[in-house]
Amino acid sequence: MLIDRKEIFSGRVIKVSVDEVQLPTGLRIPLEIVRHPGGAAVVALDDQDRVCLLRQFRHAAGGFIHELPAGKLEPDEPPEATARRELIEEASVSATHWESLGAYLSSPGCFTEVIHLYLATGIQKATGTPEADEVFQVEWWPLHEAVEKALNGEFTDAKTIIGILRAASRKKIA
C-alpha cells in the first residue's frame, strides 16, 4: 500500500519517484520506482514467414542490437494503435491482420512499464517516417532463424525475444 510518494525526476519519457510503501507483511520501506507510459511492439511476419527486425543503435546497450518495431504509448493511445503506427513509421509496412500476443512487465522490481505485443500479418508496403533520433536498418529474417537467435542468446532485447517466441508458438498451435 502506498503511503507517500516523492517525485525526484521528471524527464521526456520517464518519471522517477521514491515511494514509501507498506508491504503485505506490514513492513514499511522506501522503493525507487521508474514510471514509464508503456509501449507496444510488433512481430510482423510476411508471406514468406520472415520477421521484420530493426538493427538499431542503442546507446544504453553499447551499440547496435536487433529489435522488433516498437514504440512508447502516447497519452490516451490504445496499445494496438501504437503498434500500427510504429510498424509504418519504422518498417515502412502496414498489416491487414492483427492479433494480440499479450503483454509483459519489463522489470517489475522497479519499473511500471508494460509492453504489449502484437502479431501482424498481411504485410503491405507503406510510407514510413522514422523519428530524427532513430538510427536503424530494416531487416527481414526467416522466423526459424530469429527463433534460434532468441533461444541461443544472440538476441538480447527482451521484447524481441518474447515476441518472436510467442509468435512462433502461436504459428505452431494454429
N, C-alpha and C. Protein backbone atom coordinates (compact mmCIF):
# COMPACT_ATOMS: atom_id res chain seq x y z
N MET A 1 0.84 -1.17 0.00
CA MET A 1 0.00 0.00 0.00
C MET A 1 0.90 1.24 0.00
N LEU A 2 0.57 2.19 -0.89
CA LEU A 2 1.32 3.43 -0.97
C LEU A 2 1.01 4.32 0.22
N ILE A 3 2.05 4.81 0.86
CA ILE A 3 1.89 5.72 1.99
C ILE A 3 2.27 7.14 1.56
N ASP A 4 3.37 7.25 0.81
CA ASP A 4 3.83 8.58 0.38
C ASP A 4 4.64 8.42 -0.90
N ARG A 5 4.62 9.44 -1.75
CA ARG A 5 5.41 9.44 -2.99
C ARG A 5 6.11 10.77 -3.12
N LYS A 6 7.43 10.70 -3.41
CA LYS A 6 8.20 11.91 -3.65
C LYS A 6 8.84 11.79 -5.03
N GLU A 7 8.41 12.64 -5.98
CA GLU A 7 9.00 12.62 -7.32
C GLU A 7 10.37 13.27 -7.26
N ILE A 8 11.37 12.57 -7.79
CA ILE A 8 12.73 13.11 -7.75
C ILE A 8 13.28 13.46 -9.13
N PHE A 9 12.57 13.02 -10.20
CA PHE A 9 13.00 13.35 -11.55
C PHE A 9 11.81 13.21 -12.49
N SER A 10 11.70 14.15 -13.44
CA SER A 10 10.69 14.07 -14.48
C SER A 10 11.36 14.42 -15.79
N GLY A 11 11.42 13.45 -16.71
CA GLY A 11 12.09 13.65 -17.99
C GLY A 11 11.13 13.56 -19.15
N ARG A 12 11.69 13.46 -20.34
CA ARG A 12 10.92 13.39 -21.57
C ARG A 12 10.07 12.12 -21.64
N VAL A 13 10.58 11.00 -21.12
CA VAL A 13 9.88 9.72 -21.21
C VAL A 13 9.50 9.18 -19.82
N ILE A 14 10.39 9.30 -18.87
CA ILE A 14 10.17 8.67 -17.56
C ILE A 14 10.05 9.69 -16.43
N LYS A 15 9.49 9.20 -15.34
CA LYS A 15 9.49 9.92 -14.07
C LYS A 15 10.04 8.95 -13.04
N VAL A 16 10.80 9.46 -12.09
CA VAL A 16 11.36 8.63 -11.03
C VAL A 16 10.85 9.17 -9.69
N SER A 17 10.42 8.24 -8.85
CA SER A 17 9.94 8.64 -7.53
C SER A 17 10.50 7.69 -6.48
N VAL A 18 10.45 8.15 -5.24
CA VAL A 18 10.70 7.27 -4.11
C VAL A 18 9.35 7.14 -3.41
N ASP A 19 8.83 5.91 -3.43
CA ASP A 19 7.54 5.62 -2.81
C ASP A 19 7.77 4.96 -1.46
N GLU A 20 7.11 5.47 -0.44
CA GLU A 20 7.11 4.76 0.83
C GLU A 20 5.88 3.86 0.78
N VAL A 21 6.11 2.56 0.95
CA VAL A 21 5.02 1.60 0.85
C VAL A 21 4.97 0.71 2.08
N GLN A 22 3.80 0.17 2.33
CA GLN A 22 3.65 -0.84 3.36
C GLN A 22 3.42 -2.17 2.66
N LEU A 23 4.32 -3.11 2.88
CA LEU A 23 4.23 -4.43 2.28
C LEU A 23 3.11 -5.24 2.93
N PRO A 24 2.67 -6.32 2.29
CA PRO A 24 1.63 -7.16 2.88
C PRO A 24 2.00 -7.70 4.26
N THR A 25 3.29 -7.74 4.57
CA THR A 25 3.75 -8.21 5.89
C THR A 25 3.64 -7.13 6.96
N GLY A 26 3.34 -5.89 6.54
CA GLY A 26 3.27 -4.77 7.48
C GLY A 26 4.53 -3.92 7.49
N LEU A 27 5.62 -4.44 6.93
CA LEU A 27 6.87 -3.69 6.88
C LEU A 27 6.73 -2.47 5.97
N ARG A 28 7.22 -1.30 6.44
CA ARG A 28 7.21 -0.08 5.63
C ARG A 28 8.62 0.15 5.10
N ILE A 29 8.71 0.35 3.75
CA ILE A 29 10.02 0.55 3.13
C ILE A 29 9.93 1.60 2.02
N PRO A 30 11.07 2.25 1.72
CA PRO A 30 11.11 3.14 0.54
C PRO A 30 11.50 2.33 -0.69
N LEU A 31 10.81 2.60 -1.81
CA LEU A 31 11.12 1.93 -3.07
C LEU A 31 11.35 2.98 -4.15
N GLU A 32 12.42 2.83 -4.91
CA GLU A 32 12.68 3.71 -6.05
C GLU A 32 11.91 3.14 -7.24
N ILE A 33 11.04 3.95 -7.83
CA ILE A 33 10.18 3.49 -8.91
C ILE A 33 10.37 4.36 -10.14
N VAL A 34 10.59 3.72 -11.30
CA VAL A 34 10.68 4.41 -12.58
C VAL A 34 9.33 4.25 -13.27
N ARG A 35 8.66 5.38 -13.50
CA ARG A 35 7.34 5.36 -14.14
C ARG A 35 7.50 5.60 -15.63
N HIS A 36 6.96 4.68 -16.40
CA HIS A 36 7.05 4.72 -17.87
C HIS A 36 5.66 4.51 -18.42
N PRO A 37 5.26 5.21 -19.50
CA PRO A 37 3.90 5.08 -20.01
C PRO A 37 3.59 3.73 -20.66
N GLY A 38 4.59 2.92 -20.90
CA GLY A 38 4.39 1.62 -21.54
C GLY A 38 4.65 1.70 -23.03
N GLY A 39 4.61 0.56 -23.66
CA GLY A 39 4.91 0.52 -25.09
C GLY A 39 4.22 -0.63 -25.78
N ALA A 40 4.42 -0.68 -27.09
CA ALA A 40 3.88 -1.75 -27.91
C ALA A 40 4.94 -2.15 -28.93
N ALA A 41 5.00 -3.45 -29.22
CA ALA A 41 5.96 -3.98 -30.17
C ALA A 41 5.24 -4.94 -31.13
N VAL A 42 5.80 -5.05 -32.34
CA VAL A 42 5.14 -5.81 -33.41
C VAL A 42 6.04 -6.91 -33.95
N VAL A 43 5.51 -8.12 -33.97
CA VAL A 43 6.13 -9.22 -34.70
C VAL A 43 5.43 -9.23 -36.05
N ALA A 44 6.04 -8.60 -37.05
CA ALA A 44 5.46 -8.53 -38.39
C ALA A 44 6.01 -9.69 -39.21
N LEU A 45 5.11 -10.55 -39.69
CA LEU A 45 5.52 -11.70 -40.50
C LEU A 45 4.98 -11.53 -41.91
N ASP A 46 5.89 -11.63 -42.88
CA ASP A 46 5.44 -11.52 -44.28
C ASP A 46 4.99 -12.89 -44.79
N ASP A 47 4.60 -12.96 -46.05
CA ASP A 47 4.06 -14.21 -46.60
C ASP A 47 5.13 -15.28 -46.82
N GLN A 48 6.40 -14.93 -46.59
CA GLN A 48 7.49 -15.91 -46.67
C GLN A 48 7.94 -16.36 -45.28
N ASP A 49 7.15 -16.04 -44.25
CA ASP A 49 7.47 -16.36 -42.85
C ASP A 49 8.78 -15.71 -42.41
N ARG A 50 8.97 -14.47 -42.84
CA ARG A 50 10.11 -13.69 -42.38
C ARG A 50 9.60 -12.64 -41.40
N VAL A 51 10.39 -12.40 -40.36
CA VAL A 51 10.04 -11.43 -39.34
C VAL A 51 10.84 -10.14 -39.54
N CYS A 52 10.17 -9.02 -39.36
CA CYS A 52 10.82 -7.72 -39.50
C CYS A 52 11.59 -7.39 -38.23
N LEU A 53 12.87 -7.12 -38.38
CA LEU A 53 13.71 -6.71 -37.26
C LEU A 53 14.44 -5.42 -37.63
N LEU A 54 14.66 -4.60 -36.63
CA LEU A 54 15.44 -3.38 -36.82
C LEU A 54 16.81 -3.61 -36.20
N ARG A 55 17.85 -3.38 -36.96
CA ARG A 55 19.20 -3.35 -36.41
C ARG A 55 19.39 -1.91 -35.98
N GLN A 56 19.18 -1.68 -34.67
CA GLN A 56 19.04 -0.32 -34.16
C GLN A 56 20.16 0.05 -33.19
N PHE A 57 20.62 1.30 -33.30
CA PHE A 57 21.63 1.79 -32.37
C PHE A 57 20.97 2.16 -31.05
N ARG A 58 21.49 1.60 -29.97
CA ARG A 58 21.01 1.91 -28.63
C ARG A 58 22.20 2.24 -27.75
N HIS A 59 22.32 3.49 -27.40
CA HIS A 59 23.45 3.93 -26.56
C HIS A 59 23.52 3.12 -25.27
N ALA A 60 22.36 2.94 -24.60
CA ALA A 60 22.35 2.23 -23.32
C ALA A 60 22.80 0.78 -23.46
N ALA A 61 22.65 0.20 -24.65
CA ALA A 61 23.05 -1.19 -24.89
C ALA A 61 24.48 -1.28 -25.41
N GLY A 62 25.12 -0.15 -25.64
CA GLY A 62 26.51 -0.16 -26.09
C GLY A 62 26.69 -0.32 -27.59
N GLY A 63 25.66 -0.07 -28.38
CA GLY A 63 25.81 -0.17 -29.83
C GLY A 63 24.54 -0.65 -30.50
N PHE A 64 24.72 -1.40 -31.59
CA PHE A 64 23.58 -1.88 -32.37
C PHE A 64 23.05 -3.20 -31.80
N ILE A 65 21.74 -3.32 -31.74
CA ILE A 65 21.07 -4.57 -31.35
C ILE A 65 19.89 -4.79 -32.29
N HIS A 66 19.40 -6.01 -32.33
CA HIS A 66 18.22 -6.32 -33.14
C HIS A 66 16.97 -6.19 -32.27
N GLU A 67 15.98 -5.49 -32.81
CA GLU A 67 14.73 -5.25 -32.09
C GLU A 67 13.54 -5.36 -33.03
N LEU A 68 12.39 -5.67 -32.45
CA LEU A 68 11.14 -5.56 -33.18
C LEU A 68 10.78 -4.10 -33.34
N PRO A 69 10.03 -3.72 -34.37
CA PRO A 69 9.48 -2.36 -34.42
C PRO A 69 8.63 -2.13 -33.16
N ALA A 70 8.85 -1.01 -32.51
CA ALA A 70 8.17 -0.77 -31.23
C ALA A 70 8.21 0.71 -30.90
N GLY A 71 7.37 1.08 -29.94
CA GLY A 71 7.39 2.46 -29.50
C GLY A 71 6.61 2.68 -28.23
N LYS A 72 6.74 3.88 -27.72
CA LYS A 72 6.10 4.31 -26.48
C LYS A 72 4.64 4.64 -26.74
N LEU A 73 3.79 4.25 -25.80
CA LEU A 73 2.38 4.62 -25.86
C LEU A 73 2.25 6.13 -25.68
N GLU A 74 1.48 6.75 -26.54
CA GLU A 74 1.18 8.17 -26.38
C GLU A 74 -0.04 8.29 -25.46
N PRO A 75 -0.22 9.44 -24.81
CA PRO A 75 -1.38 9.59 -23.90
C PRO A 75 -2.69 9.25 -24.61
N ASP A 76 -3.50 8.43 -23.96
CA ASP A 76 -4.82 8.01 -24.45
C ASP A 76 -4.77 7.21 -25.75
N GLU A 77 -3.59 6.71 -26.14
CA GLU A 77 -3.47 5.90 -27.36
C GLU A 77 -3.55 4.43 -26.99
N PRO A 78 -4.48 3.69 -27.57
CA PRO A 78 -4.54 2.24 -27.29
C PRO A 78 -3.26 1.55 -27.78
N PRO A 79 -2.81 0.50 -27.10
CA PRO A 79 -1.58 -0.19 -27.49
C PRO A 79 -1.56 -0.66 -28.94
N GLU A 80 -2.68 -1.17 -29.46
CA GLU A 80 -2.66 -1.63 -30.85
C GLU A 80 -2.45 -0.47 -31.82
N ALA A 81 -2.98 0.71 -31.49
CA ALA A 81 -2.77 1.88 -32.34
C ALA A 81 -1.29 2.27 -32.34
N THR A 82 -0.64 2.14 -31.19
CA THR A 82 0.80 2.41 -31.12
C THR A 82 1.55 1.42 -32.00
N ALA A 83 1.20 0.15 -31.92
CA ALA A 83 1.86 -0.89 -32.72
C ALA A 83 1.69 -0.61 -34.21
N ARG A 84 0.48 -0.28 -34.62
CA ARG A 84 0.21 0.01 -36.04
C ARG A 84 1.04 1.22 -36.50
N ARG A 85 1.06 2.27 -35.70
CA ARG A 85 1.80 3.49 -36.04
C ARG A 85 3.29 3.21 -36.15
N GLU A 86 3.84 2.48 -35.19
CA GLU A 86 5.28 2.22 -35.18
C GLU A 86 5.70 1.32 -36.35
N LEU A 87 4.87 0.35 -36.72
CA LEU A 87 5.22 -0.52 -37.84
C LEU A 87 5.35 0.30 -39.12
N ILE A 88 4.44 1.22 -39.34
CA ILE A 88 4.52 2.07 -40.53
C ILE A 88 5.72 3.00 -40.43
N GLU A 89 5.87 3.71 -39.30
CA GLU A 89 6.95 4.68 -39.15
C GLU A 89 8.33 4.04 -39.31
N GLU A 90 8.52 2.89 -38.67
CA GLU A 90 9.86 2.31 -38.61
C GLU A 90 10.16 1.32 -39.72
N ALA A 91 9.20 0.51 -40.12
CA ALA A 91 9.48 -0.54 -41.10
C ALA A 91 8.94 -0.23 -42.48
N SER A 92 8.20 0.86 -42.61
CA SER A 92 7.59 1.24 -43.90
C SER A 92 6.69 0.15 -44.47
N VAL A 93 5.98 -0.54 -43.56
CA VAL A 93 4.98 -1.52 -43.95
C VAL A 93 3.77 -1.38 -43.03
N SER A 94 2.63 -1.87 -43.53
CA SER A 94 1.43 -1.96 -42.70
C SER A 94 0.97 -3.41 -42.76
N ALA A 95 -0.06 -3.72 -41.99
CA ALA A 95 -0.57 -5.09 -41.94
C ALA A 95 -2.09 -5.08 -41.96
N THR A 96 -2.68 -6.11 -42.55
CA THR A 96 -4.14 -6.21 -42.60
C THR A 96 -4.72 -7.04 -41.47
N HIS A 97 -3.88 -7.88 -40.83
CA HIS A 97 -4.39 -8.73 -39.74
C HIS A 97 -3.53 -8.52 -38.50
N TRP A 98 -4.21 -8.28 -37.38
CA TRP A 98 -3.53 -8.02 -36.10
C TRP A 98 -4.06 -8.96 -35.04
N GLU A 99 -3.13 -9.51 -34.24
CA GLU A 99 -3.51 -10.43 -33.17
C GLU A 99 -2.64 -10.11 -31.95
N SER A 100 -3.27 -10.02 -30.80
CA SER A 100 -2.52 -9.75 -29.57
C SER A 100 -1.70 -10.98 -29.18
N LEU A 101 -0.47 -10.73 -28.77
CA LEU A 101 0.40 -11.78 -28.22
C LEU A 101 0.55 -11.58 -26.71
N GLY A 102 -0.31 -10.75 -26.13
CA GLY A 102 -0.26 -10.50 -24.69
C GLY A 102 0.71 -9.39 -24.33
N ALA A 103 0.86 -9.19 -23.06
CA ALA A 103 1.73 -8.14 -22.54
C ALA A 103 2.69 -8.75 -21.53
N TYR A 104 3.68 -7.99 -21.15
CA TYR A 104 4.59 -8.42 -20.09
C TYR A 104 5.14 -7.20 -19.37
N LEU A 105 5.63 -7.40 -18.17
CA LEU A 105 6.26 -6.35 -17.38
C LEU A 105 7.75 -6.37 -17.66
N SER A 106 8.31 -5.22 -18.03
CA SER A 106 9.72 -5.22 -18.44
C SER A 106 10.67 -5.47 -17.27
N SER A 107 10.39 -4.91 -16.11
CA SER A 107 11.24 -5.13 -14.93
C SER A 107 10.45 -4.73 -13.69
N PRO A 108 9.56 -5.62 -13.21
CA PRO A 108 8.58 -5.25 -12.19
C PRO A 108 9.14 -4.91 -10.81
N GLY A 109 10.41 -5.10 -10.60
CA GLY A 109 11.01 -4.72 -9.32
C GLY A 109 11.11 -3.22 -9.14
N CYS A 110 11.20 -2.48 -10.27
CA CYS A 110 11.35 -1.03 -10.13
C CYS A 110 10.75 -0.22 -11.27
N PHE A 111 10.28 -0.86 -12.34
CA PHE A 111 9.68 -0.15 -13.48
C PHE A 111 8.18 -0.43 -13.56
N THR A 112 7.40 0.58 -13.95
CA THR A 112 5.96 0.39 -14.17
C THR A 112 5.66 0.02 -15.62
N GLU A 113 6.66 0.00 -16.48
CA GLU A 113 6.46 -0.23 -17.92
C GLU A 113 5.83 -1.58 -18.22
N VAL A 114 4.78 -1.54 -19.04
CA VAL A 114 4.14 -2.74 -19.58
C VAL A 114 4.30 -2.68 -21.09
N ILE A 115 4.78 -3.76 -21.69
CA ILE A 115 4.94 -3.84 -23.14
C ILE A 115 3.85 -4.75 -23.69
N HIS A 116 3.10 -4.25 -24.68
CA HIS A 116 2.05 -5.01 -25.35
C HIS A 116 2.62 -5.53 -26.67
N LEU A 117 2.43 -6.82 -26.92
CA LEU A 117 3.00 -7.46 -28.11
C LEU A 117 1.89 -7.84 -29.09
N TYR A 118 2.19 -7.68 -30.38
CA TYR A 118 1.21 -7.99 -31.43
C TYR A 118 1.87 -8.76 -32.55
N LEU A 119 1.09 -9.67 -33.14
CA LEU A 119 1.48 -10.37 -34.35
C LEU A 119 0.75 -9.70 -35.51
N ALA A 120 1.49 -9.27 -36.51
CA ALA A 120 0.91 -8.59 -37.67
C ALA A 120 1.23 -9.40 -38.92
N THR A 121 0.19 -9.69 -39.71
CA THR A 121 0.36 -10.41 -40.96
C THR A 121 -0.42 -9.68 -42.05
N GLY A 122 -0.29 -10.17 -43.28
CA GLY A 122 -0.89 -9.45 -44.41
C GLY A 122 -0.11 -8.16 -44.64
N ILE A 123 1.19 -8.31 -44.77
CA ILE A 123 2.11 -7.16 -44.85
C ILE A 123 2.02 -6.49 -46.22
N GLN A 124 1.97 -5.16 -46.19
CA GLN A 124 1.93 -4.34 -47.41
C GLN A 124 2.87 -3.16 -47.24
N LYS A 125 3.44 -2.70 -48.35
CA LYS A 125 4.32 -1.53 -48.31
C LYS A 125 3.53 -0.31 -47.86
N ALA A 126 4.23 0.57 -47.13
CA ALA A 126 3.66 1.83 -46.67
C ALA A 126 4.78 2.86 -46.66
N THR A 127 4.42 4.11 -46.48
CA THR A 127 5.43 5.17 -46.41
C THR A 127 5.72 5.47 -44.95
N GLY A 128 6.94 5.18 -44.55
CA GLY A 128 7.34 5.39 -43.16
C GLY A 128 8.17 6.64 -42.99
N THR A 129 8.14 7.16 -41.79
CA THR A 129 8.93 8.35 -41.45
C THR A 129 9.52 8.15 -40.06
N PRO A 130 10.73 7.59 -39.99
CA PRO A 130 11.36 7.41 -38.67
C PRO A 130 11.61 8.76 -38.00
N GLU A 131 11.65 8.74 -36.69
CA GLU A 131 11.98 9.96 -35.95
C GLU A 131 13.44 10.30 -36.17
N ALA A 132 13.77 11.58 -36.05
CA ALA A 132 15.12 12.07 -36.34
C ALA A 132 16.19 11.42 -35.46
N ASP A 133 15.83 11.04 -34.24
CA ASP A 133 16.84 10.48 -33.33
C ASP A 133 16.93 8.96 -33.39
N GLU A 134 16.29 8.35 -34.38
CA GLU A 134 16.35 6.89 -34.54
C GLU A 134 17.37 6.53 -35.62
N VAL A 135 18.25 5.59 -35.27
CA VAL A 135 19.28 5.12 -36.20
C VAL A 135 19.12 3.61 -36.32
N PHE A 136 18.61 3.16 -37.48
CA PHE A 136 18.38 1.72 -37.66
C PHE A 136 18.33 1.34 -39.13
N GLN A 137 18.46 0.03 -39.36
CA GLN A 137 18.28 -0.57 -40.67
C GLN A 137 17.18 -1.62 -40.54
N VAL A 138 16.28 -1.68 -41.51
CA VAL A 138 15.21 -2.68 -41.51
C VAL A 138 15.75 -3.97 -42.15
N GLU A 139 15.54 -5.08 -41.46
CA GLU A 139 15.96 -6.39 -41.96
C GLU A 139 14.78 -7.36 -41.85
N TRP A 140 14.72 -8.31 -42.76
CA TRP A 140 13.69 -9.36 -42.72
C TRP A 140 14.39 -10.70 -42.56
N TRP A 141 14.15 -11.35 -41.43
CA TRP A 141 14.80 -12.61 -41.07
C TRP A 141 13.82 -13.77 -41.17
N PRO A 142 14.26 -14.93 -41.68
CA PRO A 142 13.40 -16.12 -41.60
C PRO A 142 13.04 -16.37 -40.13
N LEU A 143 11.77 -16.65 -39.88
CA LEU A 143 11.30 -16.80 -38.50
C LEU A 143 12.10 -17.86 -37.75
N HIS A 144 12.41 -18.98 -38.41
CA HIS A 144 13.14 -20.05 -37.71
C HIS A 144 14.53 -19.59 -37.27
N GLU A 145 15.18 -18.72 -38.06
CA GLU A 145 16.49 -18.19 -37.66
C GLU A 145 16.35 -17.22 -36.49
N ALA A 146 15.30 -16.41 -36.52
CA ALA A 146 15.07 -15.47 -35.42
C ALA A 146 14.78 -16.23 -34.12
N VAL A 147 14.01 -17.32 -34.21
CA VAL A 147 13.74 -18.14 -33.03
C VAL A 147 15.05 -18.70 -32.48
N GLU A 148 15.89 -19.21 -33.37
CA GLU A 148 17.18 -19.77 -32.94
C GLU A 148 18.01 -18.73 -32.19
N LYS A 149 18.08 -17.51 -32.73
CA LYS A 149 18.87 -16.45 -32.09
C LYS A 149 18.23 -15.97 -30.79
N ALA A 150 16.90 -16.02 -30.70
CA ALA A 150 16.21 -15.67 -29.46
C ALA A 150 16.53 -16.70 -28.37
N LEU A 151 16.60 -17.97 -28.77
CA LEU A 151 16.85 -19.04 -27.80
C LEU A 151 18.32 -19.16 -27.40
N ASN A 152 19.24 -18.87 -28.34
CA ASN A 152 20.66 -19.09 -28.01
C ASN A 152 21.36 -17.87 -27.40
N GLY A 153 20.63 -16.77 -27.23
CA GLY A 153 21.21 -15.61 -26.57
C GLY A 153 21.81 -14.57 -27.50
N GLU A 154 21.77 -14.81 -28.81
CA GLU A 154 22.31 -13.80 -29.73
C GLU A 154 21.45 -12.55 -29.75
N PHE A 155 20.13 -12.70 -29.61
CA PHE A 155 19.27 -11.54 -29.43
C PHE A 155 19.21 -11.26 -27.94
N THR A 156 19.33 -10.00 -27.55
CA THR A 156 19.38 -9.66 -26.13
C THR A 156 18.23 -8.76 -25.68
N ASP A 157 17.43 -8.25 -26.61
CA ASP A 157 16.32 -7.37 -26.26
C ASP A 157 15.11 -8.21 -25.84
N ALA A 158 14.59 -7.97 -24.64
CA ALA A 158 13.53 -8.80 -24.07
C ALA A 158 12.26 -8.80 -24.92
N LYS A 159 11.81 -7.63 -25.38
CA LYS A 159 10.56 -7.60 -26.15
C LYS A 159 10.70 -8.40 -27.44
N THR A 160 11.89 -8.38 -28.01
CA THR A 160 12.15 -9.10 -29.25
C THR A 160 12.15 -10.60 -29.00
N ILE A 161 12.82 -11.03 -27.97
CA ILE A 161 12.88 -12.45 -27.64
C ILE A 161 11.48 -12.97 -27.32
N ILE A 162 10.77 -12.29 -26.44
CA ILE A 162 9.44 -12.74 -26.03
C ILE A 162 8.48 -12.71 -27.21
N GLY A 163 8.51 -11.64 -27.98
CA GLY A 163 7.61 -11.52 -29.13
C GLY A 163 7.83 -12.61 -30.16
N ILE A 164 9.09 -12.86 -30.51
CA ILE A 164 9.41 -13.89 -31.50
C ILE A 164 8.98 -15.27 -31.01
N LEU A 165 9.26 -15.58 -29.76
CA LEU A 165 8.91 -16.90 -29.24
C LEU A 165 7.40 -17.08 -29.12
N ARG A 166 6.70 -16.03 -28.70
CA ARG A 166 5.23 -16.14 -28.63
C ARG A 166 4.62 -16.29 -30.02
N ALA A 167 5.14 -15.54 -30.98
CA ALA A 167 4.61 -15.63 -32.35
C ALA A 167 4.88 -17.02 -32.93
N ALA A 168 6.08 -17.52 -32.74
CA ALA A 168 6.42 -18.85 -33.26
C ALA A 168 5.55 -19.93 -32.62
N SER A 169 5.30 -19.79 -31.34
CA SER A 169 4.44 -20.74 -30.64
C SER A 169 3.01 -20.68 -31.17
N ARG A 170 2.53 -19.49 -31.41
CA ARG A 170 1.17 -19.29 -31.93
C ARG A 170 1.03 -19.91 -33.31
N LYS A 171 2.06 -19.76 -34.14
CA LYS A 171 2.01 -20.30 -35.50
C LYS A 171 1.96 -21.83 -35.46
N LYS A 172 2.65 -22.47 -34.51
CA LYS A 172 2.66 -23.93 -34.43
C LYS A 172 1.32 -24.45 -33.93
N ILE A 173 0.66 -23.68 -33.06
CA ILE A 173 -0.63 -24.10 -32.49
C ILE A 173 -1.73 -23.94 -33.52
N ALA A 174 -1.66 -22.85 -34.31
CA ALA A 174 -2.74 -22.53 -35.26
C ALA A 174 -2.82 -23.52 -36.39
